[in-house]
Protein backbone atom coordinates (compact mmCIF):
# COMPACT_ATOMS: atom_id res chain seq x y z
CA UNK A 1 -53.04 -76.23 -13.49
CA UNK A 2 -55.01 -73.29 -14.98
CA UNK A 3 -53.18 -73.57 -18.31
CA UNK A 4 -54.05 -77.23 -18.76
CA UNK A 5 -57.75 -76.71 -17.92
CA UNK A 6 -58.15 -73.90 -20.41
CA UNK A 7 -56.49 -75.94 -23.14
CA UNK A 8 -58.86 -78.95 -22.43
CA UNK A 9 -61.91 -76.76 -22.39
CA UNK A 10 -61.00 -75.00 -25.67
CA UNK A 11 -60.26 -78.29 -27.48
CA UNK A 12 -63.60 -79.77 -26.31
CA UNK A 13 -65.36 -76.75 -27.66
CA UNK A 14 -63.70 -77.01 -31.00
CA UNK A 15 -64.53 -80.65 -31.35
CA UNK A 16 -68.22 -80.12 -30.30
CA UNK A 17 -68.64 -77.10 -32.70
CA UNK A 18 -66.99 -79.12 -35.49
CA UNK A 19 -69.48 -81.83 -35.03
CA UNK A 20 -72.43 -79.49 -35.02
CA UNK A 21 -71.17 -77.53 -38.10
CA UNK A 22 -70.27 -80.77 -39.95
CA UNK A 23 -73.71 -82.29 -39.36
CA UNK A 24 -75.26 -79.42 -41.30
CA UNK A 25 -73.07 -80.35 -44.20
CA UNK A 26 -72.41 -76.67 -45.17
CA UNK A 27 -68.89 -76.10 -46.45
CA UNK A 28 -68.98 -72.54 -45.49
CA UNK A 29 -69.81 -73.42 -41.97
CA UNK A 30 -67.01 -75.85 -41.90
CA UNK A 31 -64.50 -73.23 -43.08
CA UNK A 32 -65.73 -70.77 -40.51
CA UNK A 33 -65.47 -73.33 -37.76
CA UNK A 34 -61.92 -74.23 -38.78
CA UNK A 35 -60.92 -70.59 -38.81
CA UNK A 36 -62.52 -70.01 -35.29
CA UNK A 37 -60.75 -73.05 -34.00
CA UNK A 38 -57.40 -71.83 -35.30
CA UNK A 39 -57.92 -68.49 -33.75
CA UNK A 40 -58.79 -70.04 -30.41
CA UNK A 41 -55.77 -72.33 -30.57
CA UNK A 42 -53.43 -69.47 -31.37
CA UNK A 43 -54.81 -67.47 -28.45
CA UNK A 44 -54.31 -70.32 -26.04
CA UNK A 45 -50.78 -71.04 -27.29
CA UNK A 46 -49.90 -67.35 -26.77
CA UNK A 47 -51.32 -67.39 -23.25
CA UNK A 48 -49.66 -70.68 -22.26
CA UNK A 49 -46.22 -70.02 -23.85
CA UNK A 50 -43.53 -70.69 -21.30
CA UNK A 51 -41.41 -67.77 -20.20
CA UNK A 52 -44.05 -65.21 -21.34
CA UNK A 53 -43.83 -61.96 -19.35
CA UNK A 54 -46.19 -61.53 -16.43
CA UNK A 55 -49.10 -59.10 -16.63
CA UNK A 56 -48.08 -55.57 -16.23
CA UNK A 57 -44.61 -56.23 -17.80
CA UNK A 58 -43.33 -54.33 -20.78
CA UNK A 59 -45.55 -54.54 -23.85
CA UNK A 60 -44.43 -56.21 -27.14
CA UNK A 61 -42.12 -53.93 -29.04
CA UNK A 62 -40.99 -52.03 -25.97
CA UNK A 63 -37.39 -51.76 -24.99
CA UNK A 64 -36.05 -54.72 -23.01
CA UNK A 65 -34.73 -54.43 -19.48
CA UNK A 66 -31.20 -54.69 -20.84
CA UNK A 67 -31.66 -51.60 -23.01
CA UNK A 68 -29.71 -48.51 -22.08
CA UNK A 69 -31.58 -45.91 -20.23
CA UNK A 70 -32.91 -43.14 -22.44
CA UNK A 71 -31.18 -39.78 -22.13
CA UNK A 72 -32.95 -37.03 -20.48
CA UNK A 73 -35.30 -35.01 -22.65
CA UNK A 74 -34.19 -31.73 -24.06
CA UNK A 75 -36.56 -29.92 -21.69
CA UNK A 76 -34.72 -31.31 -18.59
CA UNK A 77 -31.77 -29.16 -17.64
CA UNK A 78 -28.57 -31.12 -17.04
CA UNK A 79 -26.94 -30.49 -13.71
CA UNK A 80 -24.12 -27.96 -14.10
CA UNK A 81 -20.68 -29.26 -13.02
CA UNK A 82 -19.59 -27.93 -9.74
CA UNK A 83 -16.93 -25.19 -9.99
CA UNK A 84 -14.41 -24.41 -7.32
CA UNK A 85 -13.56 -20.82 -6.97
CA UNK A 86 -10.02 -20.07 -6.01
CA UNK A 87 -9.61 -18.67 -2.58
CA UNK A 88 -9.32 -14.92 -2.48
CA UNK A 89 -5.80 -13.82 -1.90
CA UNK A 90 -5.40 -11.06 0.63
CA UNK A 91 -3.29 -8.11 -0.50
CA UNK A 92 0.23 -8.12 0.84
CA UNK A 93 0.44 -5.36 3.34
CA UNK A 94 3.81 -4.45 4.86
CA UNK A 95 3.69 -4.43 8.64
CA UNK A 96 4.78 -1.29 10.39
CA UNK A 97 7.96 -3.09 11.46
CA UNK A 98 8.79 -3.92 7.88
CA UNK A 99 8.00 -0.47 6.42
CA UNK A 100 9.73 1.55 9.18
CA UNK A 101 13.30 1.01 7.85
CA UNK A 102 12.32 1.76 4.24
CA UNK A 103 10.57 4.99 5.25
CA UNK A 104 13.44 6.00 7.40
CA UNK A 105 15.88 5.51 4.52
CA UNK A 106 13.68 7.48 2.13
CA UNK A 107 13.50 10.33 4.65
CA UNK A 108 17.26 10.17 5.14
CA UNK A 109 17.87 10.56 1.45
CA UNK A 110 15.36 13.38 1.14
CA UNK A 111 17.04 15.27 4.08
CA UNK A 112 20.49 14.85 2.54
CA UNK A 113 19.27 16.26 -0.78
CA UNK A 114 17.87 19.24 1.19
CA UNK A 115 21.22 19.88 2.87
CA UNK A 116 23.02 19.70 -0.41
CA UNK A 117 20.48 22.13 -1.98
CA UNK A 118 20.99 24.52 0.99
CA UNK A 119 24.79 24.36 0.54
CA UNK A 120 24.39 25.16 -3.13
CA UNK A 121 22.18 28.13 -2.06
CA UNK A 122 19.41 26.79 -4.37
CA UNK A 123 16.42 28.36 -2.64
CA UNK A 124 13.97 27.02 -5.29
CA UNK A 125 15.10 23.44 -4.82
CA UNK A 126 15.10 23.90 -1.03
CA UNK A 127 11.53 24.98 -1.23
CA UNK A 128 10.51 21.89 -3.24
CA UNK A 129 12.35 19.54 -0.97
CA UNK A 130 10.77 21.07 2.15
CA UNK A 131 7.39 20.76 0.51
CA UNK A 132 8.24 17.03 -0.16
CA UNK A 133 8.85 16.60 3.51
CA UNK A 134 12.46 17.49 3.94
CA UNK A 135 13.54 18.30 7.51
CA UNK A 136 15.49 21.55 7.85
CA UNK A 137 17.05 20.35 11.12
CA UNK A 138 18.33 17.05 9.71
CA UNK A 139 22.20 16.72 9.84
CA UNK A 140 24.81 15.46 7.45
CA UNK A 141 27.98 13.62 8.25
CA UNK A 142 29.72 16.79 9.58
CA UNK A 143 26.62 17.88 11.59
CA UNK A 144 25.54 20.62 9.26
CA UNK A 145 21.80 21.19 8.73
CA UNK A 146 20.12 23.24 6.07
CA UNK A 147 19.40 25.92 8.70
CA UNK A 148 22.82 25.92 10.27
CA UNK A 149 24.68 26.05 7.00
CA UNK A 150 22.49 28.81 5.53
CA UNK A 151 22.95 30.92 8.66
CA UNK A 152 26.72 30.45 8.72
CA UNK A 153 27.14 31.34 5.09
CA UNK A 154 24.58 34.11 4.74
CA UNK A 155 22.22 32.38 2.37
CA UNK A 156 19.38 34.45 3.51
CA UNK A 157 16.65 33.10 1.13
CA UNK A 158 17.40 29.57 2.23
CA UNK A 159 17.63 30.71 5.86
CA UNK A 160 14.17 32.30 5.75
CA UNK A 161 12.75 29.06 4.29
CA UNK A 162 14.25 27.14 7.03
CA UNK A 163 13.04 29.39 9.76
CA UNK A 164 9.57 29.38 8.23
CA UNK A 165 9.57 25.53 8.30
CA UNK A 166 10.51 24.74 11.85
CA UNK A 167 14.22 25.45 12.18
CA UNK A 168 15.57 24.84 15.71
CA UNK A 169 17.12 28.24 16.48
CA UNK A 170 19.03 26.85 19.46
CA UNK A 171 20.59 24.05 17.50
CA UNK A 172 24.40 23.95 17.34
CA UNK A 173 27.06 22.85 14.82
CA UNK A 174 30.03 20.59 15.22
CA UNK A 175 31.83 23.31 17.00
CA UNK A 176 29.04 23.66 19.58
CA UNK A 177 28.05 27.12 18.14
CA UNK A 178 24.68 28.48 17.07
CA UNK A 179 24.17 29.76 13.56
CA UNK A 180 24.60 33.29 14.92
CA UNK A 181 28.31 32.71 15.86
CA UNK A 182 29.67 31.96 12.36
CA UNK A 183 27.35 34.45 10.83
CA UNK A 184 28.94 37.14 13.11
CA UNK A 185 32.39 35.93 12.33
CA UNK A 186 31.83 36.20 8.58
CA UNK A 187 30.30 39.66 8.86
CA UNK A 188 26.87 38.66 7.40
CA UNK A 189 25.00 41.70 8.69
CA UNK A 190 21.59 40.96 7.36
CA UNK A 191 21.90 37.33 8.39
CA UNK A 192 22.77 38.36 11.97
CA UNK A 193 19.75 40.52 12.09
CA UNK A 194 17.51 37.69 10.81
CA UNK A 195 18.86 35.27 13.33
CA UNK A 196 18.52 37.71 16.22
CA UNK A 197 14.91 38.42 15.20
CA UNK A 198 14.29 34.61 15.10
CA UNK A 199 15.46 34.32 18.69
CA UNK A 200 18.86 32.76 18.41
CA UNK A 201 20.67 33.18 21.80
CA UNK A 202 23.23 36.02 21.57
CA UNK A 203 25.41 35.04 24.51
CA UNK A 204 25.81 31.32 23.65
CA UNK A 205 29.44 30.13 24.16
CA UNK A 206 30.80 27.48 21.72
CA UNK A 207 33.25 24.71 22.33
CA UNK A 208 36.16 27.19 21.65
CA UNK A 209 34.98 29.38 24.50
CA UNK A 210 33.71 32.24 22.23
CA UNK A 211 30.43 34.16 21.87
CA UNK A 212 29.13 35.70 18.69
CA UNK A 213 30.69 39.01 19.66
CA UNK A 214 34.10 37.50 20.47
CA UNK A 215 34.22 35.77 17.08
CA UNK A 216 33.12 38.94 15.29
CA UNK A 217 36.19 40.58 16.78
CA UNK A 218 38.81 37.81 16.93
CA UNK A 219 38.30 36.10 13.57
CA UNK A 220 37.91 39.02 11.19
CA UNK A 221 39.41 42.43 10.36
CA UNK A 222 37.33 44.81 12.34
CA UNK A 223 36.05 46.49 9.18
CA UNK A 224 32.63 48.10 8.47
CA UNK A 225 30.76 44.77 8.31
CA UNK A 226 32.15 43.66 11.65
CA UNK A 227 31.19 46.99 13.12
CA UNK A 228 27.63 46.58 11.74
CA UNK A 229 27.47 43.12 13.24
CA UNK A 230 28.46 44.31 16.75
CA UNK A 231 25.75 46.98 16.72
CA UNK A 232 22.75 44.62 16.53
CA UNK A 233 24.47 42.19 18.88
CA UNK A 234 24.84 44.91 21.56
CA UNK A 235 21.30 46.04 20.81
CA UNK A 236 19.98 42.55 21.41
CA UNK A 237 21.70 42.23 24.71
CA UNK A 238 25.03 40.59 23.93
CA UNK A 239 27.32 40.80 26.99
CA UNK A 240 30.77 42.22 26.12
CA UNK A 241 32.14 41.16 29.48
CA UNK A 242 32.02 37.46 28.82
CA UNK A 243 35.65 36.30 28.70
CA UNK A 244 37.38 34.06 26.22
CA UNK A 245 39.54 31.03 27.27
CA UNK A 246 42.50 33.49 27.67
CA UNK A 247 40.37 35.51 30.14
CA UNK A 248 39.90 38.58 27.79
CA UNK A 249 36.69 40.48 27.28
CA UNK A 250 35.39 41.56 23.85
CA UNK A 251 36.52 45.13 24.62
CA UNK A 252 39.98 44.06 25.60
CA UNK A 253 40.37 42.00 22.45
CA UNK A 254 39.08 44.92 20.26
CA UNK A 255 41.57 47.22 21.85
CA UNK A 256 44.39 44.66 21.54
CA UNK A 257 43.71 44.11 17.90
CA UNK A 258 43.41 47.83 17.06
CA UNK A 259 39.71 47.88 16.21
CA UNK A 260 39.10 51.31 17.58
CA UNK A 261 35.52 51.66 16.07
CA UNK A 262 34.32 48.40 17.69
CA UNK A 263 35.93 49.30 21.00
CA UNK A 264 34.10 52.67 20.80
CA UNK A 265 30.75 50.86 20.15
CA UNK A 266 31.33 48.67 23.20
CA UNK A 267 32.27 51.56 25.44
CA UNK A 268 29.23 53.54 24.25
CA UNK A 269 27.00 50.74 25.45
CA UNK A 270 28.47 51.26 28.93
């Protein structure tokens, strides 16, 4: 309704103004009036054009509603893509139950190397292996330890290392004897003294029924070394009256075998 009224009003004005200007007869006025009328008509047509955008809509020359959205300005920071950090992996730690067999095997190998070094009378290597954690009381397949073997064979440097590093002086070999018994049998005088000083029992009886003194007499030749073995044994409290499985004392065995010097040492002790 508003569009029709404005069009009627505008046309009536044009016609009225045309009549007024025409009546004057001035051609300039007629031209001006015509131009004014055309301008008015153009304005009305533009305002009454169907489908024209409502007030407040996008201005002429602006992007249409179907246009793609403008990208964000360079001053606007784009959202950084979310990154997923990999879950931290906990270090693999062997449980005590898992590591125990491996540690036991490593210790076993170290101990066997120590026994072999002792049997080779390699004191320098024995020292290194002890420092690495080797056990001087560990046994091999025939029940020898570094300590027992060094004592039996008179390897005094190795023996001292073993004693200084926790040797069990009461330990026994596969024959049930202490280190002092084979040392006495073999006539290792200095070794016997070292073992007695370390506290090895002098009256221990092995599985054969012999003491250190009995073996010193029965299993050797009664010579100077055997005599020098009997001396410290007697001094340390060895009992010559302990009998062997045949019921003989050390004195009786010395006399039977013709070891007069040893027999004399025993008698002198009283």
